[in-house]
């Protein structure tokens, strides 16, 4: 018997890459004989008094119908938790999505689980106040050395990641993003412009690629990086899978850096990582493994 699922997407993301990902997911569902209905997060309202979901003024029950599962390709975690309270199984669950969406939370949750660059949370301020005193940056420079990396806690495609080459540039960066949650991280020179994207589904890495960008310290394909397929080491695979399991995820794109002796270091974990670039580089469509995992988990009640 075929399964019925709902793909919930974000109503306000509409880039070609995002649309290609949705199309690939639906094609993968078709190959797996899974019936999918597409809905958007603006189809729902989360009632914060009851903690449940409504469609307009009515309960969402009729709109969700006889769905066996929800593929939550979204970061609207309040909606996700409400759907879970109504008894729906989400892939990925809402809390792990929140852990990944905030890079500081990711590192906090994975502390002691895997080797990471030294990372510290930058003191919080407010957009209406800003940094009235940047003397704390002296201590960041002493702790991490120059250059070091400044990351906004919320960001995608490498667009909110900056390289502080010296004290002056560090302070300019901090002033430009003041009011946003951010962290500072040791710069791994041996991984400059290159990293690994390992896509984990369930308890295994389904496909992996190495990304390289000789013109930037970031390797993102959207920033000009090039990707080639790679066979990762056992140590790299174990780290990627351990991160996904610890966070309670079903699938994720795990980005790994190269340490001084090529040992893996965690860069970040992406809960709804796009996989079109990975498919182009490796010929592997993640959606096939994803729907096999969903079918197994749904039918076994896990």
Protein backbone atom coordinates (compact mmCIF):
# COMPACT_ATOMS: atom_id res chain seq x y z
CA UNK A 1 0.00 0.00 0.00
CA UNK A 2 1.37 3.40 -0.97
CA UNK A 3 1.96 6.14 1.58
CA UNK A 4 0.45 9.60 1.58
CA UNK A 5 2.71 12.48 2.51
CA UNK A 6 2.66 16.25 2.63
CA UNK A 7 5.62 18.38 1.58
CA UNK A 8 5.45 21.65 3.52
CA UNK A 9 7.61 24.34 1.95
CA UNK A 10 8.29 27.96 2.79
CA UNK A 11 5.92 30.30 0.98
CA UNK A 12 8.50 33.04 0.56
CA UNK A 13 11.48 31.20 -0.94
CA UNK A 14 11.29 31.03 -4.72
CA UNK A 15 14.79 30.88 -6.19
CA UNK A 16 15.51 28.53 -9.12
CA UNK A 17 17.63 26.31 -6.87
CA UNK A 18 14.83 26.02 -4.32
CA UNK A 19 12.25 25.22 -7.00
CA UNK A 20 14.57 22.58 -8.49
CA UNK A 21 14.88 20.96 -5.07
CA UNK A 22 11.10 20.77 -4.62
CA UNK A 23 10.73 19.27 -8.09
CA UNK A 24 13.44 16.68 -7.33
CA UNK A 25 11.70 15.72 -4.09
CA UNK A 26 8.39 15.21 -5.85
CA UNK A 27 10.06 13.16 -8.59
CA UNK A 28 11.76 11.05 -5.91
CA UNK A 29 8.43 10.49 -4.20
CA UNK A 30 6.99 9.30 -7.51
CA UNK A 31 9.80 6.79 -8.00
CA UNK A 32 9.14 5.52 -4.46
CA UNK A 33 5.36 5.25 -5.09
CA UNK A 34 4.65 7.84 -2.40
CA UNK A 35 1.72 10.20 -2.96
CA UNK A 36 2.74 13.75 -2.09
CA UNK A 37 0.70 16.91 -1.62
CA UNK A 38 2.46 20.27 -1.49
CA UNK A 39 1.44 22.88 1.07
CA UNK A 40 3.07 26.13 2.18
CA UNK A 41 3.69 27.40 5.67
CA UNK A 42 1.38 30.36 5.00
CA UNK A 43 -1.48 27.87 4.55
CA UNK A 44 -1.46 27.51 8.34
CA UNK A 45 -1.66 29.58 11.49
CA UNK A 46 -0.18 28.38 14.75
CA UNK A 47 -2.59 29.12 17.58
CA UNK A 48 -0.26 30.05 20.44
CA UNK A 49 -3.03 29.64 23.02
CA UNK A 50 -3.82 26.02 22.16
CA UNK A 51 -0.51 25.16 20.56
CA UNK A 52 -2.34 23.65 17.61
CA UNK A 53 -2.55 24.47 13.92
CA UNK A 54 -5.42 26.10 12.10
CA UNK A 55 -6.16 26.82 8.48
CA UNK A 56 -7.81 30.20 8.65
CA UNK A 57 -10.38 29.94 11.46
CA UNK A 58 -10.74 26.15 11.23
CA UNK A 59 -8.73 23.22 12.50
CA UNK A 60 -6.07 22.01 10.11
CA UNK A 61 -7.25 18.42 10.33
CA UNK A 62 -9.24 18.45 7.11
CA UNK A 63 -6.43 20.09 5.16
CA UNK A 64 -3.88 17.52 6.33
CA UNK A 65 -6.30 14.69 5.57
CA UNK A 66 -4.96 11.18 5.79
CA UNK A 67 -1.27 12.10 5.63
CA UNK A 68 1.00 9.33 6.89
CA UNK A 69 3.91 11.75 7.32
CA UNK A 70 5.03 15.31 6.68
CA UNK A 71 8.25 16.16 4.87
CA UNK A 72 8.95 19.47 6.57
CA UNK A 73 11.23 21.29 4.13
CA UNK A 74 10.99 24.40 6.20
CA UNK A 75 12.45 26.20 9.20
CA UNK A 76 9.12 27.41 10.61
CA UNK A 77 9.68 25.52 13.86
CA UNK A 78 6.61 26.88 15.68
CA UNK A 79 4.46 25.40 12.94
CA UNK A 80 6.46 22.19 13.07
CA UNK A 81 6.03 21.73 16.81
CA UNK A 82 2.31 22.41 16.51
CA UNK A 83 1.98 19.74 13.85
CA UNK A 84 3.86 17.32 16.10
CA UNK A 85 1.50 18.08 18.97
CA UNK A 86 -1.33 17.08 16.64
CA UNK A 87 0.32 13.68 16.21
CA UNK A 88 2.10 14.12 12.87
CA UNK A 89 5.53 12.62 12.21
CA UNK A 90 7.83 15.22 10.70
CA UNK A 91 10.95 14.56 8.65
CA UNK A 92 12.98 16.34 10.06
CA UNK A 93 11.46 16.96 13.50
CA UNK A 94 11.06 20.58 14.56
CA UNK A 95 13.55 20.75 17.44
CA UNK A 96 16.51 19.42 15.43
CA UNK A 97 15.70 21.92 12.68
CA UNK A 98 15.94 24.68 15.28
CA UNK A 99 19.26 23.32 16.57
CA UNK A 100 20.69 23.48 13.04
CA UNK A 101 19.19 26.82 12.09
CA UNK A 102 21.11 28.54 14.89
CA UNK A 103 24.83 27.79 14.52
CA UNK A 104 25.51 28.53 18.18
CA UNK A 105 22.88 25.97 19.19
CA UNK A 106 24.43 23.44 16.80
CA UNK A 107 27.83 23.72 18.48
CA UNK A 108 26.26 23.73 21.92
CA UNK A 109 24.37 20.51 21.21
CA UNK A 110 27.37 18.78 19.63
CA UNK A 111 29.96 19.74 22.22
CA UNK A 112 32.04 16.66 23.06
CA UNK A 113 30.51 14.63 20.24
CA UNK A 114 32.87 15.66 17.47
CA UNK A 115 35.99 17.71 16.95
CA UNK A 116 35.24 21.34 16.03
CA UNK A 117 37.26 24.52 15.50
CA UNK A 118 37.47 26.55 18.69
CA UNK A 119 34.26 28.57 18.75
CA UNK A 120 32.96 31.24 21.14
CA UNK A 121 29.69 33.09 21.30
CA UNK A 122 30.07 36.82 20.67
CA UNK A 123 28.37 38.95 23.35
CA UNK A 124 24.78 39.83 22.53
CA UNK A 125 23.61 43.39 21.94
CA UNK A 126 20.44 44.94 20.47
CA UNK A 127 19.80 46.46 17.06
CA UNK A 128 18.68 49.71 18.69
CA UNK A 129 21.85 49.88 20.81
CA UNK A 130 24.67 48.26 18.84
CA UNK A 131 28.19 47.79 20.18
CA UNK A 132 28.91 50.87 22.25
CA UNK A 133 32.15 49.25 23.45
CA UNK A 134 34.21 46.92 21.25
CA UNK A 135 37.03 46.32 23.72
CA UNK A 136 35.90 42.68 23.99
CA UNK A 137 37.26 42.17 20.46
CA UNK A 138 40.79 42.50 21.87
CA UNK A 139 40.16 39.34 23.86
CA UNK A 140 38.72 37.57 20.81
CA UNK A 141 41.87 38.36 18.86
CA UNK A 142 44.07 37.13 21.72
CA UNK A 143 42.01 33.95 22.09
CA UNK A 144 41.63 32.93 18.44
CA UNK A 145 44.44 34.78 16.71
CA UNK A 146 44.13 36.58 13.37
CA UNK A 147 42.61 35.82 11.03
CA UNK A 148 39.49 34.39 12.61
CA UNK A 149 35.98 33.78 11.30
CA UNK A 150 32.86 35.68 12.34
CA UNK A 151 29.56 33.94 11.61
CA UNK A 152 26.04 35.16 12.04
CA UNK A 153 24.11 32.46 13.86
CA UNK A 154 21.44 32.47 11.16
CA UNK A 155 22.59 32.27 7.58
CA UNK A 156 22.79 30.20 4.41
CA UNK A 157 25.03 29.74 1.38
CA UNK A 158 28.02 31.31 3.14
CA UNK A 159 26.56 34.80 2.84
CA UNK A 160 26.72 35.58 6.54
CA UNK A 161 30.28 34.33 7.15
CA UNK A 162 33.18 36.80 7.33
CA UNK A 163 36.96 36.63 7.70
CA UNK A 164 38.43 39.03 10.24
CA UNK A 165 42.00 39.44 9.00
CA UNK A 166 43.08 41.87 11.71
CA UNK A 167 41.74 43.99 14.55
CA UNK A 168 40.46 46.75 12.26
CA UNK A 169 38.55 44.42 9.93
CA UNK A 170 37.13 42.48 12.88
CA UNK A 171 35.68 45.64 14.38
CA UNK A 172 34.30 46.77 11.03
CA UNK A 173 32.54 43.43 10.61
CA UNK A 174 31.12 43.51 14.12
CA UNK A 175 29.78 47.03 13.61
CA UNK A 176 28.19 46.03 10.29
CA UNK A 177 26.23 43.16 11.86
CA UNK A 178 25.64 44.55 15.34
CA UNK A 179 22.38 43.43 16.83
CA UNK A 180 22.55 40.02 15.17
CA UNK A 181 23.45 36.89 17.09
CA UNK A 182 26.91 35.81 16.00
CA UNK A 183 29.92 33.75 16.97
CA UNK A 184 33.67 33.82 16.45
CA UNK A 185 35.60 30.79 15.30
CA UNK A 186 39.17 29.70 14.80
CA UNK A 187 40.20 29.94 11.15
CA UNK A 188 41.33 26.56 9.80
CA UNK A 189 43.98 27.57 7.29
CA UNK A 190 44.42 24.00 6.02
CA UNK A 191 40.81 24.06 4.85
CA UNK A 192 40.86 27.50 3.24
CA UNK A 193 38.42 27.45 0.33
CA UNK A 194 37.73 23.72 0.58
CA UNK A 195 35.46 21.45 2.56
CA UNK A 196 33.35 18.31 2.33
CA UNK A 197 29.58 18.13 2.09
CA UNK A 198 28.45 14.71 3.31
CA UNK A 199 24.74 14.02 2.96
CA UNK A 200 23.50 11.72 5.70
CA UNK A 201 20.19 9.84 5.49
CA UNK A 202 19.38 7.63 8.45
CA UNK A 203 22.59 6.02 9.64
CA UNK A 204 24.77 6.39 6.55
CA UNK A 205 26.34 8.90 4.21
CA UNK A 206 24.52 8.53 0.89
CA UNK A 207 26.78 10.83 -1.15
CA UNK A 208 29.64 13.24 -0.60
CA UNK A 209 31.46 15.91 -2.54
CA UNK A 210 34.49 18.09 -2.00
CA UNK A 211 33.99 21.79 -2.70
CA UNK A 212 36.87 24.04 -3.69
CA UNK A 213 37.12 27.77 -4.25
CA UNK A 214 40.64 29.14 -4.84
CA UNK A 215 39.35 32.72 -4.76
CA UNK A 216 37.56 32.71 -1.37
CA UNK A 217 38.03 31.28 2.10
CA UNK A 218 34.50 29.87 1.75
CA UNK A 219 33.83 26.92 -0.54
CA UNK A 220 30.11 27.36 -1.24
CA UNK A 221 29.08 26.57 -4.81
CA UNK A 222 26.79 29.61 -4.84
CA UNK A 223 29.91 31.72 -4.16
CA UNK A 224 31.85 30.28 -7.08
CA UNK A 225 33.10 27.00 -5.60
CA UNK A 226 33.44 23.88 -7.73
CA UNK A 227 32.44 20.40 -6.59
CA UNK A 228 33.81 16.94 -7.32
CA UNK A 229 32.61 13.58 -5.98
CA UNK A 230 34.66 12.14 -3.16
CA UNK A 231 34.88 8.88 -1.26
CA UNK A 232 35.11 9.96 2.35
CA UNK A 233 37.14 8.21 5.02
CA UNK A 234 35.61 6.07 7.73
CA UNK A 235 36.46 8.76 10.29
CA UNK A 236 34.71 11.45 8.24
CA UNK A 237 31.63 9.28 7.80
CA UNK A 238 31.48 8.39 11.49
CA UNK A 239 31.63 12.06 12.45
CA UNK A 240 28.89 13.07 9.99
CA UNK A 241 26.56 10.27 11.12
CA UNK A 242 27.26 10.90 14.82
CA UNK A 243 26.31 14.58 14.44
CA UNK A 244 23.01 13.73 12.74
CA UNK A 245 22.16 11.08 15.34
CA UNK A 246 23.00 13.35 18.28
CA UNK A 247 20.80 16.13 16.90
CA UNK A 248 17.89 13.70 16.41
CA UNK A 249 17.65 14.22 12.66
CA UNK A 250 16.55 11.89 9.88
CA UNK A 251 18.72 13.53 7.23
CA UNK A 252 21.13 16.43 6.91
CA UNK A 253 23.97 17.89 4.90
CA UNK A 254 27.04 17.87 7.15
CA UNK A 255 29.94 20.15 6.23
CA UNK A 256 33.39 19.03 7.33
CA UNK A 257 36.68 20.93 7.28
CA UNK A 258 40.19 19.55 6.87
CA UNK A 259 42.37 19.84 9.97
CA UNK A 260 46.19 20.10 10.02
CA UNK A 261 46.60 16.41 9.25
CA UNK A 262 43.39 16.18 7.21
CA UNK A 263 41.48 15.07 10.30
CA UNK A 264 37.78 16.04 10.04
CA UNK A 265 36.46 19.08 11.86
CA UNK A 266 32.78 19.97 11.98
CA UNK A 267 31.86 23.15 10.14
CA UNK A 268 28.06 23.01 10.32
CA UNK A 269 24.97 20.86 9.93
CA UNK A 270 22.20 21.78 7.48
CA UNK A 271 18.73 20.47 8.23
CA UNK A 272 17.19 21.06 4.79
CA UNK A 273 20.31 21.18 2.66
CA UNK A 274 19.77 21.67 -1.04
CA UNK A 275 21.09 18.68 -2.99
CA UNK A 276 20.96 19.71 -6.64
CA UNK A 277 24.66 20.61 -6.65
CA UNK A 278 25.49 17.31 -4.97
CA UNK A 279 23.44 15.44 -7.57
CA UNK A 280 25.27 17.23 -10.37
CA UNK A 281 28.65 16.39 -8.86
CA UNK A 282 28.00 12.77 -7.90
CA UNK A 283 25.07 11.59 -10.03
CA UNK A 284 23.30 10.50 -6.84
CA UNK A 285 19.81 11.81 -6.11
CA UNK A 286 19.37 12.06 -2.36
CA UNK A 287 15.59 11.88 -2.64
CA UNK A 288 15.71 8.14 -3.41
CA UNK A 289 17.42 7.29 -0.11
CA UNK A 290 15.29 9.86 1.68
CA UNK A 291 11.97 8.31 0.68
CA UNK A 292 13.18 4.80 1.41
CA UNK A 293 14.07 6.03 4.90
CA UNK A 294 10.70 7.74 5.31
CA UNK A 295 8.84 4.62 4.18
CA UNK A 296 10.73 2.43 6.63
CA UNK A 297 10.28 4.82 9.57
CA UNK A 298 6.61 5.42 8.81
CA UNK A 299 5.71 1.76 8.46
CA UNK A 300 7.62 0.76 11.59
CA UNK A 301 6.23 3.66 13.62
CA UNK A 302 9.65 5.08 14.45
